[in-house]
Amino acid sequence: MFKIAARSSLSIIAVFCLISVIAFSSLKISFFSFIGNEANRTESYLYIMSLENRSLQSVLPERAEKSLGKVALELLTNINLSDMKSFLISEIPGLDATSPKILIAGEGTDFTNLPIESPPPPDFGLNEGPNDKEEKPQEVKKPQTNDYTAFIYHSHTRESFLPLLPGVTDPDAASSKDKNVTLLGTRLGQKLEENGIKTLVDTTDIQDKLVKRNMNYYQSYAVSREIVVEAMNQNKKLQLIFDIHRDSQRKHVTTTTINGLPYAKLYFVIGKGNLNYRKNLQFAEKLHNSLKNRYPSLSRGVFEKPKTIGTNGVYNQDLAENVLVIEIGGVDNNLDELNRSVDALGEVISNYYWGEAVEVNK
């Protein structure tokens, strides 16, 4: 009887072990597809190793103590207990492919506060006058010299901010012909000029062009592409090209305090569907790291938009290297907060250009 019971116990244990092996082998233990960013994965590895080698604790970030069980769960199952989306992302077909990916996470950035694309303005196509009028060719301002180095434009020209629009409280209605993101692009151009970088700023109303051509809002990048190509053709020395936007997230996500002053956070967008993806990512990473060093918490990081989002993940970044979409602030940020961030951005771009781009050209 004892032998039979022992054999039964061993059989049960063997079956349990076999099931465990099969179950664990089916898990998606791919650290390169893990939903967190590279920094989080590295930190998790270091934490596990530091349990045996205490000297490694000195290189870990100063954060709340981790749980070994939580770290193991994240590494083995791709489930982040602080992000409910991670429970579904591997089970719902297409969810991962249609979600922006965090390539480089800034302070406080995770999947709970991903950027939100602005909807078309509520007045899009309304009160714009007849659409059948022939569009007059835009008069191009001829530069005095052919040495423009930077070009700034705005694909979603009318994206605005609630503090600039008295009486407007609906974030989806934060749109204006006059008080919009072109204020930021213009100021950024001025800051670059002050630092010796000759900059061309285009404030063409892309929405107006869409209406006159009977085009849809999602075709904004196709229209702005014409402007970028024209600028590149007329200015052969352009090296830095920026498309300025604003996010639709609310103030608690888009605002930080640095040295006692509020700043509007910003982030960089990289479209994966273009041949310059790697070069533009390297450029964005350098600007992000510079902001991180000089203005901690200002940059929300670098986000990747796949081919299934926007204009097939291109965003005109296939035209050249060092072409970025930069989202500055959100619908609730005021002009003081935005201007501080623009000035900081102008500083780090100028430092990059004079410190690295010029040396490469030499």
Protein backbone atom coordinates (compact mmCIF):
# COMPACT_ATOMS: atom_id res chain seq x y z
CA MET A 1 0.00 0.00 0.00
CA PHE A 2 2.85 2.36 0.89
CA LYS A 3 4.58 1.72 -2.44
CA ILE A 4 1.37 2.41 -4.35
CA ALA A 5 0.86 5.69 -2.47
CA ALA A 6 4.48 6.71 -3.08
CA ARG A 7 4.19 5.93 -6.79
CA SER A 8 0.97 7.94 -6.98
CA SER A 9 2.62 10.89 -5.26
CA LEU A 10 5.60 10.75 -7.59
CA SER A 11 3.27 10.57 -10.58
CA ILE A 12 1.36 13.63 -9.40
CA ILE A 13 4.61 15.54 -8.84
CA ALA A 14 5.89 14.54 -12.28
CA VAL A 15 2.66 15.65 -13.95
CA PHE A 16 2.76 18.95 -12.04
CA CYS A 17 6.36 19.57 -13.12
CA LEU A 18 5.53 18.74 -16.73
CA ILE A 19 2.57 21.13 -16.73
CA SER A 20 4.73 23.85 -15.18
CA VAL A 21 7.41 23.43 -17.84
CA ILE A 22 4.83 23.61 -20.62
CA ALA A 23 3.16 26.64 -19.09
CA PHE A 24 6.38 28.56 -18.57
CA SER A 25 7.68 27.66 -22.02
CA SER A 26 4.57 29.22 -23.54
CA LEU A 27 5.11 32.54 -21.81
CA LYS A 28 6.40 35.38 -23.94
CA ILE A 29 9.69 35.77 -22.16
CA SER A 30 11.07 38.27 -24.62
CA PHE A 31 12.95 40.97 -22.80
CA PHE A 32 13.23 42.98 -25.99
CA SER A 33 9.46 43.09 -26.40
CA PHE A 34 8.84 43.73 -22.71
CA ILE A 35 6.41 46.63 -22.42
CA GLY A 36 8.70 48.67 -20.22
CA ASN A 37 11.58 50.66 -21.60
CA GLU A 38 15.24 49.66 -21.69
CA ALA A 39 16.01 51.56 -18.51
CA ASN A 40 13.30 49.72 -16.57
CA ARG A 41 14.51 46.32 -17.78
CA THR A 42 18.11 47.13 -16.83
CA GLU A 43 16.99 48.36 -13.43
CA SER A 44 15.04 45.14 -12.81
CA TYR A 45 18.06 43.00 -13.70
CA LEU A 46 20.31 45.05 -11.45
CA TYR A 47 17.83 44.77 -8.60
CA ILE A 48 17.73 40.96 -8.84
CA MET A 49 21.52 40.75 -9.02
CA SER A 50 21.90 43.18 -6.11
CA LEU A 51 20.14 40.69 -3.83
CA GLU A 52 23.32 38.60 -4.02
CA ASN A 53 25.87 41.32 -4.71
CA ARG A 54 25.17 44.26 -2.38
CA SER A 55 27.72 46.50 -4.12
CA LEU A 56 25.32 46.83 -7.07
CA GLN A 57 22.80 48.65 -4.91
CA SER A 58 24.91 51.79 -5.22
CA VAL A 59 24.09 52.07 -8.94
CA LEU A 60 20.35 51.59 -8.54
CA PRO A 61 18.13 54.69 -8.73
CA GLU A 62 16.87 56.04 -5.44
CA ARG A 63 13.29 54.75 -5.48
CA ALA A 64 10.94 52.88 -3.24
CA GLU A 65 12.07 49.34 -2.44
CA LYS A 66 11.06 46.80 -5.04
CA SER A 67 9.38 43.48 -4.50
CA LEU A 68 11.25 40.46 -5.86
CA GLY A 69 7.93 38.85 -6.72
CA LYS A 70 6.76 41.91 -8.64
CA VAL A 71 10.03 42.16 -10.58
CA ALA A 72 9.90 38.46 -11.45
CA LEU A 73 6.28 38.78 -12.57
CA GLU A 74 7.12 41.69 -14.88
CA LEU A 75 10.10 39.91 -16.42
CA LEU A 76 8.39 36.56 -16.94
CA THR A 77 4.90 37.58 -17.99
CA ASN A 78 5.18 41.13 -19.39
CA ILE A 79 2.54 42.17 -16.82
CA ASN A 80 3.05 45.44 -14.99
CA LEU A 81 0.83 45.62 -11.91
CA SER A 82 0.72 49.42 -12.12
CA ASP A 83 -0.50 49.34 -15.72
CA MET A 84 -3.82 47.61 -16.33
CA LYS A 85 -3.26 47.84 -20.08
CA SER A 86 -0.45 45.29 -19.79
CA PHE A 87 -2.99 42.61 -18.82
CA LEU A 88 -4.62 42.96 -22.22
CA ILE A 89 -1.89 44.05 -24.62
CA SER A 90 -0.69 40.51 -25.36
CA GLU A 91 -4.17 39.00 -25.51
CA ILE A 92 -6.05 41.40 -27.80
CA PRO A 93 -4.81 41.09 -31.40
CA GLY A 94 -3.57 44.40 -32.79
CA LEU A 95 -3.61 46.32 -29.51
CA ASP A 96 0.17 46.43 -29.26
CA ALA A 97 0.59 47.36 -32.93
CA THR A 98 -1.73 50.34 -32.62
CA SER A 99 -0.24 51.71 -29.41
CA PRO A 100 2.54 54.31 -29.24
CA LYS A 101 5.69 52.81 -27.79
CA ILE A 102 7.87 54.48 -25.20
CA LEU A 103 11.37 54.34 -26.64
CA ILE A 104 12.90 56.52 -23.93
CA ALA A 105 10.87 57.32 -20.84
CA GLY A 106 11.21 60.66 -19.12
CA GLU A 107 10.52 61.11 -15.42
CA GLY A 108 6.96 60.04 -14.61
CA THR A 109 6.28 58.63 -18.08
CA ASP A 110 4.53 55.27 -18.37
CA PHE A 111 1.64 53.66 -20.22
CA THR A 112 -0.90 55.40 -18.01
CA ASN A 113 -0.10 58.83 -19.48
CA LEU A 114 0.67 58.19 -23.12
CA PRO A 115 0.33 61.16 -25.47
CA ILE A 116 -3.15 61.86 -26.81
CA GLU A 117 -3.52 62.93 -30.42
CA SER A 118 -5.52 66.11 -30.85
CA PRO A 119 -8.89 65.67 -32.57
CA PRO A 120 -9.81 67.84 -35.55
CA PRO A 121 -10.86 71.32 -34.43
CA PRO A 122 -14.63 71.60 -33.95
CA ASP A 123 -14.76 74.33 -36.57
CA PHE A 124 -12.86 72.31 -39.17
CA GLY A 125 -14.49 72.98 -42.52
CA LEU A 126 -16.98 75.48 -41.08
CA ASN A 127 -17.15 79.21 -41.75
CA GLU A 128 -14.10 79.02 -43.95
CA GLY A 129 -15.80 80.37 -47.06
CA PRO A 130 -16.55 78.43 -50.25
CA ASN A 131 -14.32 75.44 -50.84
CA ASP A 132 -14.50 75.66 -54.60
CA LYS A 133 -12.32 78.75 -54.76
CA GLU A 134 -9.03 78.26 -56.49
CA GLU A 135 -6.21 78.36 -54.00
CA LYS A 136 -3.78 81.14 -54.69
CA PRO A 137 -0.13 80.15 -54.71
CA GLN A 138 1.48 81.13 -51.44
CA GLU A 139 4.06 83.85 -51.78
CA VAL A 140 7.35 82.45 -50.60
CA LYS A 141 9.56 84.81 -48.67
CA LYS A 142 12.97 84.78 -50.28
CA PRO A 143 15.82 84.50 -47.78
CA GLN A 144 18.49 87.16 -48.03
CA THR A 145 21.17 84.51 -47.90
CA ASN A 146 21.21 80.80 -48.52
CA ASP A 147 22.50 79.80 -45.08
CA TYR A 148 19.37 78.85 -43.15
CA THR A 149 20.29 76.01 -40.83
CA ALA A 150 16.98 75.26 -39.04
CA PHE A 151 13.39 75.09 -40.27
CA ILE A 152 10.29 75.14 -38.05
CA TYR A 153 6.74 74.42 -39.19
CA HIS A 154 3.38 73.30 -37.76
CA SER A 155 1.34 70.47 -39.33
CA HIS A 156 -1.55 71.04 -36.89
CA THR A 157 -1.35 74.80 -37.02
CA ARG A 158 -4.44 75.63 -34.98
CA GLU A 159 -3.66 73.49 -31.93
CA SER A 160 -4.08 75.90 -29.04
CA PHE A 161 -4.25 76.12 -25.25
CA LEU A 162 -7.25 76.81 -23.01
CA PRO A 163 -5.56 79.65 -21.04
CA LEU A 164 -5.16 81.52 -24.35
CA LEU A 165 -8.86 81.14 -25.21
CA PRO A 166 -11.10 83.02 -22.74
CA GLY A 167 -14.44 81.32 -22.26
CA VAL A 168 -13.35 78.00 -23.77
CA THR A 169 -13.31 75.07 -21.33
CA ASP A 170 -13.67 72.03 -23.61
CA PRO A 171 -10.17 70.63 -24.32
CA ASP A 172 -11.36 69.31 -27.67
CA ALA A 173 -12.23 72.91 -28.62
CA ALA A 174 -8.73 74.25 -27.92
CA SER A 175 -8.25 75.55 -31.44
CA SER A 176 -7.52 79.01 -32.80
CA LYS A 177 -6.48 80.73 -36.01
CA ASP A 178 -4.30 83.23 -34.15
CA LYS A 179 -3.34 82.01 -30.66
CA ASN A 180 -1.89 78.60 -31.34
CA VAL A 181 1.30 76.55 -31.53
CA THR A 182 2.79 78.95 -34.07
CA LEU A 183 3.53 81.22 -31.10
CA LEU A 184 5.84 78.50 -29.80
CA GLY A 185 7.48 77.83 -33.15
CA THR A 186 8.11 81.53 -33.64
CA ARG A 187 9.67 81.90 -30.19
CA LEU A 188 11.83 78.81 -30.73
CA GLY A 189 13.07 80.32 -33.99
CA GLN A 190 13.96 83.54 -32.19
CA LYS A 191 15.91 81.65 -29.53
CA LEU A 192 17.87 79.72 -32.13
CA GLU A 193 18.62 82.97 -33.96
CA GLU A 194 19.88 84.49 -30.71
CA ASN A 195 22.27 81.57 -30.45
CA GLY A 196 23.62 82.09 -33.94
CA ILE A 197 21.50 79.51 -35.78
CA LYS A 198 19.77 81.11 -38.75
CA THR A 199 16.21 79.78 -38.63
CA LEU A 200 13.27 79.89 -41.03
CA VAL A 201 9.84 79.66 -39.35
CA ASP A 202 6.75 78.80 -41.41
CA THR A 203 3.33 79.64 -39.94
CA THR A 204 1.18 78.55 -42.89
CA ASP A 205 -2.39 77.70 -41.82
CA ILE A 206 -2.48 74.04 -42.82
CA GLN A 207 -6.13 73.69 -41.87
CA ASP A 208 -7.07 76.48 -44.28
CA LYS A 209 -5.28 74.67 -47.10
CA LEU A 210 -7.08 71.40 -46.26
CA VAL A 211 -10.48 73.05 -46.47
CA LYS A 212 -9.75 74.77 -49.75
CA ARG A 213 -8.61 71.48 -51.25
CA ASN A 214 -11.51 69.46 -49.81
CA MET A 215 -9.04 67.30 -47.89
CA ASN A 216 -9.46 65.55 -44.54
CA TYR A 217 -7.75 66.53 -41.29
CA TYR A 218 -5.60 63.40 -41.22
CA GLN A 219 -3.98 64.62 -44.44
CA SER A 220 -2.34 67.54 -42.61
CA TYR A 221 1.10 65.97 -42.94
CA ALA A 222 0.69 65.58 -46.69
CA VAL A 223 0.10 69.33 -47.02
CA SER A 224 2.85 70.33 -44.59
CA ARG A 225 5.20 68.00 -46.50
CA GLU A 226 4.92 70.31 -49.50
CA ILE A 227 6.10 73.20 -47.35
CA VAL A 228 9.06 71.22 -45.98
CA VAL A 229 10.13 70.08 -49.44
CA GLU A 230 9.92 73.64 -50.75
CA ALA A 231 12.01 74.92 -47.84
CA MET A 232 14.62 72.22 -48.41
CA ASN A 233 14.80 72.96 -52.12
CA GLN A 234 15.36 76.67 -51.51
CA ASN A 235 17.73 76.26 -48.57
CA LYS A 236 20.28 73.56 -49.25
CA LYS A 237 22.00 73.91 -45.87
CA LEU A 238 19.05 73.00 -43.65
CA GLN A 239 20.20 70.57 -40.99
CA LEU A 240 17.51 70.80 -38.29
CA ILE A 241 13.78 70.49 -39.03
CA PHE A 242 11.08 70.63 -36.33
CA ASP A 243 7.32 70.18 -36.51
CA ILE A 244 5.83 71.81 -33.39
CA HIS A 245 2.63 70.43 -31.79
CA ARG A 246 0.91 70.28 -28.42
CA ASP A 247 -0.47 67.24 -26.59
CA SER A 248 -4.10 66.76 -25.48
CA GLN A 249 -3.18 65.40 -22.05
CA ARG A 250 -4.26 67.46 -19.03
CA LYS A 251 -2.13 69.65 -16.79
CA HIS A 252 -1.12 67.07 -14.17
CA VAL A 253 0.62 65.12 -16.93
CA THR A 254 2.05 68.01 -18.95
CA THR A 255 3.42 70.27 -16.21
CA THR A 256 6.48 70.09 -13.97
CA THR A 257 8.26 72.39 -11.55
CA ILE A 258 11.95 73.23 -11.99
CA ASN A 259 13.74 75.58 -9.60
CA GLY A 260 10.40 76.70 -8.24
CA LEU A 261 8.92 77.62 -11.64
CA PRO A 262 6.27 75.70 -13.62
CA TYR A 263 7.26 74.39 -17.05
CA ALA A 264 5.22 72.71 -19.76
CA LYS A 265 6.63 69.25 -20.37
CA LEU A 266 7.58 68.24 -23.88
CA TYR A 267 8.36 65.05 -25.74
CA PHE A 268 9.67 63.81 -29.08
CA VAL A 269 7.81 61.65 -31.61
CA ILE A 270 9.58 59.27 -34.00
CA GLY A 271 7.68 57.68 -36.89
CA LYS A 272 8.79 54.12 -37.45
CA GLY A 273 7.71 53.98 -41.08
CA ASN A 274 10.68 55.80 -42.62
CA LEU A 275 14.27 55.06 -43.58
CA ASN A 276 15.67 57.75 -41.27
CA TYR A 277 14.12 56.15 -38.19
CA ARG A 278 17.43 55.28 -36.49
CA LYS A 279 19.12 58.62 -37.22
CA ASN A 280 16.13 60.62 -36.03
CA LEU A 281 15.88 58.46 -32.91
CA GLN A 282 19.53 59.12 -32.10
CA PHE A 283 18.93 62.85 -32.54
CA ALA A 284 15.86 62.79 -30.27
CA GLU A 285 17.74 60.78 -27.64
CA LYS A 286 20.54 63.34 -27.52
CA LEU A 287 18.13 66.22 -27.06
CA HIS A 288 16.20 64.25 -24.41
CA ASN A 289 19.37 63.46 -22.47
CA SER A 290 20.50 67.07 -22.64
CA LEU A 291 17.15 68.25 -21.29
CA LYS A 292 17.30 65.57 -18.61
CA ASN A 293 20.69 66.83 -17.45
CA ARG A 294 19.92 70.55 -17.54
CA TYR A 295 16.18 70.57 -16.83
CA PRO A 296 15.25 67.37 -14.95
CA SER A 297 11.67 66.17 -15.52
CA LEU A 298 11.07 68.56 -18.46
CA SER A 299 11.20 65.87 -21.15
CA ARG A 300 8.53 63.18 -21.08
CA GLY A 301 10.75 61.09 -23.33
CA VAL A 302 10.76 59.76 -26.87
CA PHE A 303 7.71 58.00 -28.31
CA GLU A 304 7.45 55.83 -31.38
CA LYS A 305 4.37 55.96 -33.57
CA PRO A 306 4.02 52.77 -35.65
CA LYS A 307 2.79 52.53 -39.22
CA THR A 308 -0.78 52.02 -38.03
CA ILE A 309 -0.92 55.47 -36.41
CA GLY A 310 -0.91 58.80 -38.21
CA THR A 311 0.45 59.01 -41.73
CA ASN A 312 1.89 55.49 -41.80
CA GLY A 313 4.46 56.39 -39.19
CA VAL A 314 6.33 58.82 -41.44
CA TYR A 315 5.58 62.38 -40.22
CA ASN A 316 7.82 63.77 -42.99
CA GLN A 317 10.83 62.29 -41.22
CA ASP A 318 11.81 60.38 -44.34
CA LEU A 319 12.89 63.63 -45.98
CA ALA A 320 16.12 64.04 -44.03
CA GLU A 321 17.98 63.22 -40.85
CA ASN A 322 17.43 65.36 -37.74
CA VAL A 323 13.72 65.80 -38.44
CA LEU A 324 11.51 65.65 -35.35
CA VAL A 325 7.94 66.11 -34.20
CA ILE A 326 8.07 67.94 -30.86
CA GLU A 327 4.98 68.17 -28.67
CA ILE A 328 5.21 71.06 -26.21
CA GLY A 329 2.78 71.22 -23.29
CA GLY A 330 -0.89 70.27 -23.21
CA VAL A 331 -4.25 71.98 -23.50
CA ASP A 332 -4.05 73.44 -19.95
CA ASN A 333 -0.60 75.03 -20.06
CA ASN A 334 -0.35 78.82 -20.05
CA LEU A 335 2.00 80.93 -22.13
CA ASP A 336 4.53 81.50 -19.35
CA GLU A 337 4.93 77.76 -18.81
CA LEU A 338 5.18 77.15 -22.54
CA ASN A 339 7.72 79.91 -23.12
CA ARG A 340 10.02 78.61 -20.38
CA SER A 341 10.03 75.21 -22.02
CA VAL A 342 10.61 76.64 -25.49
CA ASP A 343 13.59 78.61 -24.18
CA ALA A 344 15.04 75.48 -22.58
CA LEU A 345 14.51 73.54 -25.80
CA GLY A 346 16.20 76.29 -27.81
CA GLU A 347 19.15 76.12 -25.46
CA VAL A 348 19.73 72.39 -25.81
CA ILE A 349 19.22 72.43 -29.58
CA SER A 350 21.80 75.21 -29.86
CA ASN A 351 24.23 73.32 -27.64
CA TYR A 352 23.77 70.23 -29.80
CA TYR A 353 24.34 72.13 -33.01
CA TRP A 354 27.43 74.04 -31.95
CA GLY A 355 28.86 71.14 -29.99
CA GLU A 356 28.23 68.20 -32.30
CA ALA A 357 26.64 69.04 -35.63
CA VAL A 358 29.28 71.63 -36.48
CA GLU A 359 32.09 69.21 -35.59
CA VAL A 360 30.56 66.51 -37.81
CA ASN A 361 30.33 68.95 -40.70
CA LYS A 362 33.96 69.93 -40.25
